Amino acid sequence: QGMQVHVRDEGPRDDPTPIVLIHGTSASLHTWDGWVAALSPHRRVIRMDLPGFGLTGPAPDGNYSMARYTGFMRDLLDLLKLDEVVMGGNS
């Protein structure tokens, strides 16, 4: 989508259903550091800085709508070739 995205992908690559953790407003992927430390020895855990937060730059078109974030997540999961995940988030 025209931006570089800060992503951390940790844990066993053969996990059939990776865990994707999404941070809340004004946060970053580091929100999940404790969870990743506990989960990643046994589960694949993926987290990212959403557009406009952390080390991911601003959305090129300035669009921060829910639809844009939904499309961002869909495209990221497609890029990582993931069909099924467990999602967690906070706000």
PDB file of N, CA and C in Angstrom:
ATOM      1  N   GLN A   1       0.812  -1.203   0.000  1.00  0.00           N
ATOM      2  CA  GLN A   1       0.000   0.000   0.000  1.00  0.00           C
ATOM      3  C   GLN A   1       0.846   1.253   0.000  1.00  0.00           C
ATOM      4  N   GLY A   2       2.097   1.144  -0.437  1.00  0.00           N
ATOM      5  CA  GLY A   2       2.946   2.311  -0.580  1.00  0.00           C
ATOM      6  C   GLY A   2       3.652   2.762   0.683  1.00  0.00           C
ATOM      7  N   MET A   3       3.838   1.861   1.640  1.00  0.00           N
ATOM      8  CA  MET A   3       4.540   2.242   2.870  1.00  0.00           C
ATOM      9  C   MET A   3       5.364   1.070   3.375  1.00  0.00           C
ATOM     10  N   GLN A   4       6.415   1.397   4.123  1.00  0.00           N
ATOM     11  CA  GLN A   4       7.169   0.367   4.816  1.00  0.00           C
ATOM     12  C   GLN A   4       6.492   0.122   6.151  1.00  0.00           C
ATOM     13  N   VAL A   5       6.398  -1.143   6.531  1.00  0.00           N
ATOM     14  CA  VAL A   5       5.677  -1.518   7.744  1.00  0.00           C
ATOM     15  C   VAL A   5       6.637  -2.235   8.690  1.00  0.00           C
ATOM     16  N   HIS A   6       6.610  -1.814   9.944  1.00  0.00           N
ATOM     17  CA  HIS A   6       7.405  -2.459  10.983  1.00  0.00           C
ATOM     18  C   HIS A   6       6.641  -3.690  11.464  1.00  0.00           C
ATOM     19  N   VAL A   7       7.189  -4.877  11.188  1.00  0.00           N
ATOM     20  CA  VAL A   7       6.544  -6.144  11.523  1.00  0.00           C
ATOM     21  C   VAL A   7       7.523  -7.002  12.294  1.00  0.00           C
ATOM     22  N   ARG A   8       7.041  -7.700  13.300  1.00  0.00           N
ATOM     23  CA  ARG A   8       7.820  -8.729  13.993  1.00  0.00           C
ATOM     24  C   ARG A   8       7.056 -10.041  13.823  1.00  0.00           C
ATOM     25  N   ASP A   9       7.761 -11.063  13.388  1.00  0.00           N
ATOM     26  CA  ASP A   9       7.190 -12.383  13.126  1.00  0.00           C
ATOM     27  C   ASP A   9       8.073 -13.378  13.874  1.00  0.00           C
ATOM     28  N   GLU A  10       7.571 -13.899  14.997  1.00  0.00           N
ATOM     29  CA  GLU A  10       8.394 -14.704  15.889  1.00  0.00           C
ATOM     30  C   GLU A  10       7.735 -16.038  16.193  1.00  0.00           C
ATOM     31  N   GLY A  11       8.537 -17.002  16.558  1.00  0.00           N
ATOM     32  CA  GLY A  11       8.028 -18.315  16.927  1.00  0.00           C
ATOM     33  C   GLY A  11       8.105 -19.295  15.777  1.00  0.00           C
ATOM     34  N   PRO A  12       7.631 -20.512  16.018  1.00  0.00           N
ATOM     35  CA  PRO A  12       7.755 -21.577  15.016  1.00  0.00           C
ATOM     36  C   PRO A  12       6.954 -21.295  13.748  1.00  0.00           C
ATOM     37  N   ARG A  13       7.626 -21.416  12.602  1.00  0.00           N
ATOM     38  CA  ARG A  13       6.980 -21.136  11.315  1.00  0.00           C
ATOM     39  C   ARG A  13       5.976 -22.210  10.923  1.00  0.00           C
ATOM     40  N   ASP A  14       6.024 -23.361  11.585  1.00  0.00           N
ATOM     41  CA  ASP A  14       5.098 -24.430  11.224  1.00  0.00           C
ATOM     42  C   ASP A  14       3.792 -24.376  12.025  1.00  0.00           C
ATOM     43  N   ASP A  15       3.579 -23.311  12.783  1.00  0.00           N
ATOM     44  CA  ASP A  15       2.331 -23.137  13.537  1.00  0.00           C
ATOM     45  C   ASP A  15       1.188 -23.018  12.524  1.00  0.00           C
ATOM     46  N   PRO A  16       0.197 -23.913  12.573  1.00  0.00           N
ATOM     47  CA  PRO A  16      -0.868 -23.879  11.567  1.00  0.00           C
ATOM     48  C   PRO A  16      -1.815 -22.684  11.696  1.00  0.00           C
ATOM     49  N   THR A  17      -1.891 -22.100  12.882  1.00  0.00           N
ATOM     50  CA  THR A  17      -2.784 -20.952  13.099  1.00  0.00           C
ATOM     51  C   THR A  17      -2.042 -19.903  13.918  1.00  0.00           C
ATOM     52  N   PRO A  18      -1.256 -19.049  13.240  1.00  0.00           N
ATOM     53  CA  PRO A  18      -0.494 -18.027  13.966  1.00  0.00           C
ATOM     54  C   PRO A  18      -1.394 -17.051  14.722  1.00  0.00           C
ATOM     55  N   ILE A  19      -0.818 -16.435  15.727  1.00  0.00           N
ATOM     56  CA  ILE A  19      -1.500 -15.404  16.500  1.00  0.00           C
ATOM     57  C   ILE A  19      -1.058 -14.046  15.967  1.00  0.00           C
ATOM     58  N   VAL A  20      -2.011 -13.195  15.643  1.00  0.00           N
ATOM     59  CA  VAL A  20      -1.730 -11.842  15.173  1.00  0.00           C
ATOM     60  C   VAL A  20      -2.221 -10.871  16.240  1.00  0.00           C
ATOM     61  N   LEU A  21      -1.313 -10.037  16.739  1.00  0.00           N
ATOM     62  CA  LEU A  21      -1.641  -9.095  17.812  1.00  0.00           C
ATOM     63  C   LEU A  21      -1.638  -7.674  17.265  1.00  0.00           C
ATOM     64  N   ILE A  22      -2.720  -6.944  17.511  1.00  0.00           N
ATOM     65  CA  ILE A  22      -2.911  -5.594  16.979  1.00  0.00           C
ATOM     66  C   ILE A  22      -2.980  -4.616  18.141  1.00  0.00           C
ATOM     67  N   HIS A  23      -2.111  -3.621  18.116  1.00  0.00           N
ATOM     68  CA  HIS A  23      -2.065  -2.635  19.202  1.00  0.00           C
ATOM     69  C   HIS A  23      -3.185  -1.606  19.068  1.00  0.00           C
ATOM     70  N   GLY A  24      -3.427  -0.895  20.158  1.00  0.00           N
ATOM     71  CA  GLY A  24      -4.450   0.146  20.179  1.00  0.00           C
ATOM     72  C   GLY A  24      -3.891   1.505  19.763  1.00  0.00           C
ATOM     73  N   THR A  25      -4.730   2.519  19.867  1.00  0.00           N
ATOM     74  CA  THR A  25      -4.386   3.876  19.488  1.00  0.00           C
ATOM     75  C   THR A  25      -3.208   4.404  20.294  1.00  0.00           C
ATOM     76  N   SER A  26      -2.332   5.129  19.630  1.00  0.00           N
ATOM     77  CA  SER A  26      -1.153   5.764  20.240  1.00  0.00           C
ATOM     78  C   SER A  26      -0.198   4.761  20.870  1.00  0.00           C
ATOM     79  N   ALA A  27      -0.155   3.538  20.338  1.00  0.00           N
ATOM     80  CA  ALA A  27       0.733   2.506  20.856  1.00  0.00           C
ATOM     81  C   ALA A  27       1.583   1.964  19.710  1.00  0.00           C
ATOM     82  N   SER A  28       2.249   0.849  19.964  1.00  0.00           N
ATOM     83  CA  SER A  28       3.086   0.207  18.954  1.00  0.00           C
ATOM     84  C   SER A  28       3.088  -1.287  19.202  1.00  0.00           C
ATOM     85  N   LEU A  29       3.791  -2.013  18.357  1.00  0.00           N
ATOM     86  CA  LEU A  29       3.881  -3.460  18.522  1.00  0.00           C
ATOM     87  C   LEU A  29       4.522  -3.846  19.850  1.00  0.00           C
ATOM     88  N   HIS A  30       5.263  -2.922  20.459  1.00  0.00           N
ATOM     89  CA  HIS A  30       5.914  -3.220  21.738  1.00  0.00           C
ATOM     90  C   HIS A  30       4.912  -3.402  22.881  1.00  0.00           C
ATOM     91  N   THR A  31       3.667  -3.001  22.675  1.00  0.00           N
ATOM     92  CA  THR A  31       2.601  -3.256  23.641  1.00  0.00           C
ATOM     93  C   THR A  31       2.562  -4.739  24.015  1.00  0.00           C
ATOM     94  N   TRP A  32       2.932  -5.575  23.067  1.00  0.00           N
ATOM     95  CA  TRP A  32       2.779  -7.021  23.204  1.00  0.00           C
ATOM     96  C   TRP A  32       4.052  -7.743  23.626  1.00  0.00           C
ATOM     97  N   ASP A  33       5.107  -7.048  24.006  1.00  0.00           N
ATOM     98  CA  ASP A  33       6.380  -7.697  24.322  1.00  0.00           C
ATOM     99  C   ASP A  33       6.233  -8.836  25.338  1.00  0.00           C
ATOM    100  N   GLY A  34       5.526  -8.615  26.422  1.00  0.00           N
ATOM    101  CA  GLY A  34       5.354  -9.646  27.439  1.00  0.00           C
ATOM    102  C   GLY A  34       4.602 -10.860  26.923  1.00  0.00           C
ATOM    103  N   TRP A  35       3.548 -10.613  26.160  1.00  0.00           N
ATOM    104  CA  TRP A  35       2.775 -11.714  25.581  1.00  0.00           C
ATOM    105  C   TRP A  35       3.626 -12.528  24.614  1.00  0.00           C
ATOM    106  N   VAL A  36       4.417 -11.828  23.791  1.00  0.00           N
ATOM    107  CA  VAL A  36       5.251 -12.529  22.814  1.00  0.00           C
ATOM    108  C   VAL A  36       6.300 -13.383  23.523  1.00  0.00           C
ATOM    109  N   ALA A  37       6.884 -12.866  24.588  1.00  0.00           N
ATOM    110  CA  ALA A  37       7.868 -13.640  25.338  1.00  0.00           C
ATOM    111  C   ALA A  37       7.255 -14.947  25.854  1.00  0.00           C
ATOM    112  N   ALA A  38       5.999 -14.888  26.284  1.00  0.00           N
ATOM    113  CA  ALA A  38       5.331 -16.082  26.811  1.00  0.00           C
ATOM    114  C   ALA A  38       4.842 -17.023  25.707  1.00  0.00           C
ATOM    115  N   LEU A  39       4.376 -16.466  24.588  1.00  0.00           N
ATOM    116  CA  LEU A  39       3.752 -17.285  23.550  1.00  0.00           C
ATOM    117  C   LEU A  39       4.717 -17.824  22.493  1.00  0.00           C
ATOM    118  N   SER A  40       5.733 -17.056  22.126  1.00  0.00           N
ATOM    119  CA  SER A  40       6.560 -17.396  20.966  1.00  0.00           C
ATOM    120  C   SER A  40       7.384 -18.681  21.092  1.00  0.00           C
ATOM    121  N   PRO A  41       7.677 -19.191  22.291  1.00  0.00           N
ATOM    122  CA  PRO A  41       8.363 -20.486  22.310  1.00  0.00           C
ATOM    123  C   PRO A  41       7.521 -21.623  21.715  1.00  0.00           C
ATOM    124  N   HIS A  42       6.195 -21.440  21.700  1.00  0.00           N
ATOM    125  CA  HIS A  42       5.319 -22.510  21.244  1.00  0.00           C
ATOM    126  C   HIS A  42       4.405 -22.123  20.091  1.00  0.00           C
ATOM    127  N   ARG A  43       4.216 -20.823  19.868  1.00  0.00           N
ATOM    128  CA  ARG A  43       3.294 -20.338  18.848  1.00  0.00           C
ATOM    129  C   ARG A  43       3.965 -19.281  17.984  1.00  0.00           C
ATOM    130  N   ARG A  44       3.567 -19.224  16.732  1.00  0.00           N
ATOM    131  CA  ARG A  44       4.013 -18.139  15.853  1.00  0.00           C
ATOM    132  C   ARG A  44       3.193 -16.906  16.200  1.00  0.00           C
ATOM    133  N   VAL A  45       3.873 -15.806  16.499  1.00  0.00           N
ATOM    134  CA  VAL A  45       3.212 -14.576  16.907  1.00  0.00           C
ATOM    135  C   VAL A  45       3.660 -13.459  15.968  1.00  0.00           C
ATOM    136  N   ILE A  46       2.685 -12.798  15.362  1.00  0.00           N
ATOM    137  CA  ILE A  46       2.959 -11.717  14.417  1.00  0.00           C
ATOM    138  C   ILE A  46       2.340 -10.443  14.968  1.00  0.00           C
ATOM    139  N   ARG A  47       3.114  -9.383  14.951  1.00  0.00           N
ATOM    140  CA  ARG A  47       2.607  -8.077  15.385  1.00  0.00           C
ATOM    141  C   ARG A  47       3.213  -7.020  14.487  1.00  0.00           C
ATOM    142  N   MET A  48       2.556  -5.911  14.391  1.00  0.00           N
ATOM    143  CA  MET A  48       2.998  -4.846  13.500  1.00  0.00           C
ATOM    144  C   MET A  48       2.626  -3.500  14.097  1.00  0.00           C
ATOM    145  N   ASP A  49       3.334  -2.472  13.641  1.00  0.00           N
ATOM    146  CA  ASP A  49       2.917  -1.098  13.932  1.00  0.00           C
ATOM    147  C   ASP A  49       1.939  -0.710  12.836  1.00  0.00           C
ATOM    148  N   LEU A  50       0.737  -0.341  13.224  1.00  0.00           N
ATOM    149  CA  LEU A  50      -0.262   0.091  12.256  1.00  0.00           C
ATOM    150  C   LEU A  50       0.161   1.397  11.591  1.00  0.00           C
ATOM    151  N   PRO A  51      -0.367   1.698  10.403  1.00  0.00           N
ATOM    152  CA  PRO A  51      -0.029   2.959   9.740  1.00  0.00           C
ATOM    153  C   PRO A  51      -0.251   4.157  10.659  1.00  0.00           C
ATOM    154  N   GLY A  52       0.770   5.004  10.725  1.00  0.00           N
ATOM    155  CA  GLY A  52       0.695   6.207  11.545  1.00  0.00           C
ATOM    156  C   GLY A  52       1.159   6.004  12.975  1.00  0.00           C
ATOM    157  N   PHE A  53       1.616   4.802  13.330  1.00  0.00           N
ATOM    158  CA  PHE A  53       2.058   4.507  14.687  1.00  0.00           C
ATOM    159  C   PHE A  53       3.419   3.823  14.670  1.00  0.00           C
ATOM    160  N   GLY A  54       4.150   3.943  15.790  1.00  0.00           N
ATOM    161  CA  GLY A  54       5.433   3.271  15.917  1.00  0.00           C
ATOM    162  C   GLY A  54       6.374   3.612  14.779  1.00  0.00           C
ATOM    163  N   LEU A  55       7.027   2.587  14.229  1.00  0.00           N
ATOM    164  CA  LEU A  55       7.994   2.795  13.156  1.00  0.00           C
ATOM    165  C   LEU A  55       7.399   2.650  11.763  1.00  0.00           C
ATOM    166  N   THR A  56       6.096   2.380  11.682  1.00  0.00           N
ATOM    167  CA  THR A  56       5.426   2.388  10.383  1.00  0.00           C
ATOM    168  C   THR A  56       5.047   3.829  10.091  1.00  0.00           C
ATOM    169  N   GLY A  57       5.399   4.276   8.917  1.00  0.00           N
ATOM    170  CA  GLY A  57       5.142   5.672   8.576  1.00  0.00           C
ATOM    171  C   GLY A  57       3.662   5.955   8.375  1.00  0.00           C
ATOM    172  N   PRO A  58       3.370   7.184   8.027  1.00  0.00           N
ATOM    173  CA  PRO A  58       1.982   7.575   7.784  1.00  0.00           C
ATOM    174  C   PRO A  58       1.430   6.911   6.521  1.00  0.00           C
ATOM    175  N   ALA A  59       0.130   6.759   6.483  1.00  0.00           N
ATOM    176  CA  ALA A  59      -0.524   6.271   5.268  1.00  0.00           C
ATOM    177  C   ALA A  59      -0.295   7.300   4.166  1.00  0.00           C
ATOM    178  N   PRO A  60       0.171   6.876   2.991  1.00  0.00           N
ATOM    179  CA  PRO A  60       0.471   7.827   1.916  1.00  0.00           C
ATOM    180  C   PRO A  60      -0.705   8.715   1.535  1.00  0.00           C
ATOM    181  N   ASP A  61      -1.923   8.185   1.648  1.00  0.00           N
ATOM    182  CA  ASP A  61      -3.091   8.962   1.251  1.00  0.00           C
ATOM    183  C   ASP A  61      -3.754   9.672   2.435  1.00  0.00           C
ATOM    184  N   GLY A  62      -3.174   9.526   3.642  1.00  0.00           N
ATOM    185  CA  GLY A  62      -3.732  10.192   4.820  1.00  0.00           C
ATOM    186  C   GLY A  62      -5.046   9.607   5.306  1.00  0.00           C
ATOM    187  N   ASN A  63      -5.399   8.449   4.800  1.00  0.00           N
ATOM    188  CA  ASN A  63      -6.670   7.812   5.156  1.00  0.00           C
ATOM    189  C   ASN A  63      -6.446   6.878   6.349  1.00  0.00           C
ATOM    190  N   TYR A  64      -7.108   7.163   7.455  1.00  0.00           N
ATOM    191  CA  TYR A  64      -7.008   6.341   8.661  1.00  0.00           C
ATOM    192  C   TYR A  64      -8.374   5.801   9.071  1.00  0.00           C
ATOM    193  N   SER A  65      -9.203   5.536   8.099  1.00  0.00           N
ATOM    194  CA  SER A  65     -10.546   5.017   8.372  1.00  0.00           C
ATOM    195  C   SER A  65     -10.475   3.543   8.758  1.00  0.00           C
ATOM    196  N   MET A  66     -11.544   3.047   9.363  1.00  0.00           N
ATOM    197  CA  MET A  66     -11.617   1.636   9.727  1.00  0.00           C
ATOM    198  C   MET A  66     -11.487   0.759   8.478  1.00  0.00           C
ATOM    199  N   ALA A  67     -12.101   1.199   7.385  1.00  0.00           N
ATOM    200  CA  ALA A  67     -12.013   0.432   6.141  1.00  0.00           C
ATOM    201  C   ALA A  67     -10.562   0.346   5.661  1.00  0.00           C
ATOM    202  N   ARG A  68      -9.818   1.422   5.809  1.00  0.00           N
ATOM    203  CA  ARG A  68      -8.411   1.434   5.387  1.00  0.00           C
ATOM    204  C   ARG A  68      -7.590   0.480   6.256  1.00  0.00           C
ATOM    205  N   TYR A  69      -7.815   0.492   7.577  1.00  0.00           N
ATOM    206  CA  TYR A  69      -7.087  -0.420   8.463  1.00  0.00           C
ATOM    207  C   TYR A  69      -7.472  -1.874   8.178  1.00  0.00           C
ATOM    208  N   THR A  70      -8.730  -2.123   7.871  1.00  0.00           N
ATOM    209  CA  THR A  70      -9.170  -3.473   7.515  1.00  0.00           C
ATOM    210  C   THR A  70      -8.453  -3.946   6.261  1.00  0.00           C
ATOM    211  N   GLY A  71      -8.380  -3.088   5.252  1.00  0.00           N
ATOM    212  CA  GLY A  71      -7.656  -3.416   4.022  1.00  0.00           C
ATOM    213  C   GLY A  71      -6.175  -3.624   4.269  1.00  0.00           C
ATOM    214  N   PHE A  72      -5.605  -2.822   5.153  1.00  0.00           N
ATOM    215  CA  PHE A  72      -4.192  -2.963   5.512  1.00  0.00           C
ATOM    216  C   PHE A  72      -3.935  -4.350   6.108  1.00  0.00           C
ATOM    217  N   MET A  73      -4.782  -4.766   7.045  1.00  0.00           N
ATOM    218  CA  MET A  73      -4.606  -6.073   7.681  1.00  0.00           C
ATOM    219  C   MET A  73      -4.797  -7.201   6.669  1.00  0.00           C
ATOM    220  N   ARG A  74      -5.799  -7.085   5.817  1.00  0.00           N
ATOM    221  CA  ARG A  74      -6.034  -8.099   4.784  1.00  0.00           C
ATOM    222  C   ARG A  74      -4.817  -8.236   3.882  1.00  0.00           C
ATOM    223  N   ASP A  75      -4.269  -7.099   3.432  1.00  0.00           N
ATOM    224  CA  ASP A  75      -3.114  -7.125   2.543  1.00  0.00           C
ATOM    225  C   ASP A  75      -1.880  -7.686   3.238  1.00  0.00           C
ATOM    226  N   LEU A  76      -1.690  -7.352   4.515  1.00  0.00           N
ATOM    227  CA  LEU A  76      -0.550  -7.874   5.255  1.00  0.00           C
ATOM    228  C   LEU A  76      -0.650  -9.394   5.403  1.00  0.00           C
ATOM    229  N   LEU A  77      -1.821  -9.894   5.767  1.00  0.00           N
ATOM    230  CA  LEU A  77      -2.004 -11.337   5.900  1.00  0.00           C
ATOM    231  C   LEU A  77      -1.820 -12.045   4.562  1.00  0.00           C
ATOM    232  N   ASP A  78      -2.285 -11.435   3.481  1.00  0.00           N
ATOM    233  CA  ASP A  78      -2.070 -11.999   2.147  1.00  0.00           C
ATOM    234  C   ASP A  78      -0.582 -12.047   1.819  1.00  0.00           C
ATOM    235  N   LEU A  79       0.133 -10.966   2.121  1.00  0.00           N
ATOM    236  CA  LEU A  79       1.573 -10.909   1.849  1.00  0.00           C
ATOM    237  C   LEU A  79       2.326 -11.996   2.615  1.00  0.00           C
ATOM    238  N   LEU A  80       1.875 -12.265   3.844  1.00  0.00           N
ATOM    239  CA  LEU A  80       2.504 -13.300   4.668  1.00  0.00           C
ATOM    240  C   LEU A  80       1.980 -14.699   4.338  1.00  0.00           C
ATOM    241  N   LYS A  81       1.054 -14.777   3.366  1.00  0.00           N
ATOM    242  CA  LYS A  81       0.469 -16.041   2.919  1.00  0.00           C
ATOM    243  C   LYS A  81      -0.229 -16.786   4.062  1.00  0.00           C
ATOM    244  N   LEU A  82      -1.022 -16.042   4.816  1.00  0.00           N
ATOM    245  CA  LEU A  82      -1.755 -16.613   5.944  1.00  0.00           C
ATOM    246  C   LEU A  82      -3.245 -16.645   5.623  1.00  0.00           C
ATOM    247  N   ASP A  83      -3.832 -17.826   5.689  1.00  0.00           N
ATOM    248  CA  ASP A  83      -5.257 -17.981   5.420  1.00  0.00           C
ATOM    249  C   ASP A  83      -6.100 -17.947   6.682  1.00  0.00           C
ATOM    250  N   GLU A  84      -5.528 -18.434   7.788  1.00  0.00           N
ATOM    251  CA  GLU A  84      -6.272 -18.494   9.050  1.00  0.00           C
ATOM    252  C   GLU A  84      -5.363 -18.099  10.193  1.00  0.00           C
ATOM    253  N   VAL A  85      -5.836 -17.181  11.017  1.00  0.00           N
ATOM    254  CA  VAL A  85      -5.069 -16.708  12.179  1.00  0.00           C
ATOM    255  C   VAL A  85      -6.011 -16.522  13.368  1.00  0.00           C
ATOM    256  N   VAL A  86      -5.407 -16.401  14.528  1.00  0.00           N
ATOM    257  CA  VAL A  86      -6.119 -15.974  15.718  1.00  0.00           C
ATOM    258  C   VAL A  86      -5.711 -14.528  15.946  1.00  0.00           C
ATOM    259  N   MET A  87      -6.671 -13.619  16.023  1.00  0.00           N
ATOM    260  CA  MET A  87      -6.362 -12.200  16.217  1.00  0.00           C
ATOM    261  C   MET A  87      -6.682 -11.776  17.641  1.00  0.00           C
ATOM    262  N   GLY A  88      -5.804 -10.944  18.171  1.00  0.00           N
ATOM    263  CA  GLY A  88      -6.027 -10.324  19.467  1.00  0.00           C
ATOM    264  C   GLY A  88      -5.704  -8.857  19.352  1.00  0.00           C
ATOM    265  N   GLY A  89      -6.366  -8.047  20.147  1.00  0.00           N
ATOM    266  CA  GLY A  89      -6.107  -6.623  20.098  1.00  0.00           C
ATOM    267  C   GLY A  89      -6.447  -5.965  21.416  1.00  0.00           C
ATOM    268  N   ASN A  90      -6.027  -4.729  21.534  1.00  0.00           N
ATOM    269  CA  ASN A  90      -6.376  -3.946  22.717  1.00  0.00           C
ATOM    270  C   ASN A  90      -6.611  -2.502  22.302  1.00  0.00           C
ATOM    271  N   SER A  91      -7.266  -1.765  23.152  1.00  0.00           N
ATOM    272  CA  SER A  91      -7.503  -0.367  22.877  1.00  0.00           C
ATOM    273  C   SER A  91      -7.754   0.353  24.184  1.00  0.00           C
TER     274      SER A  91
END
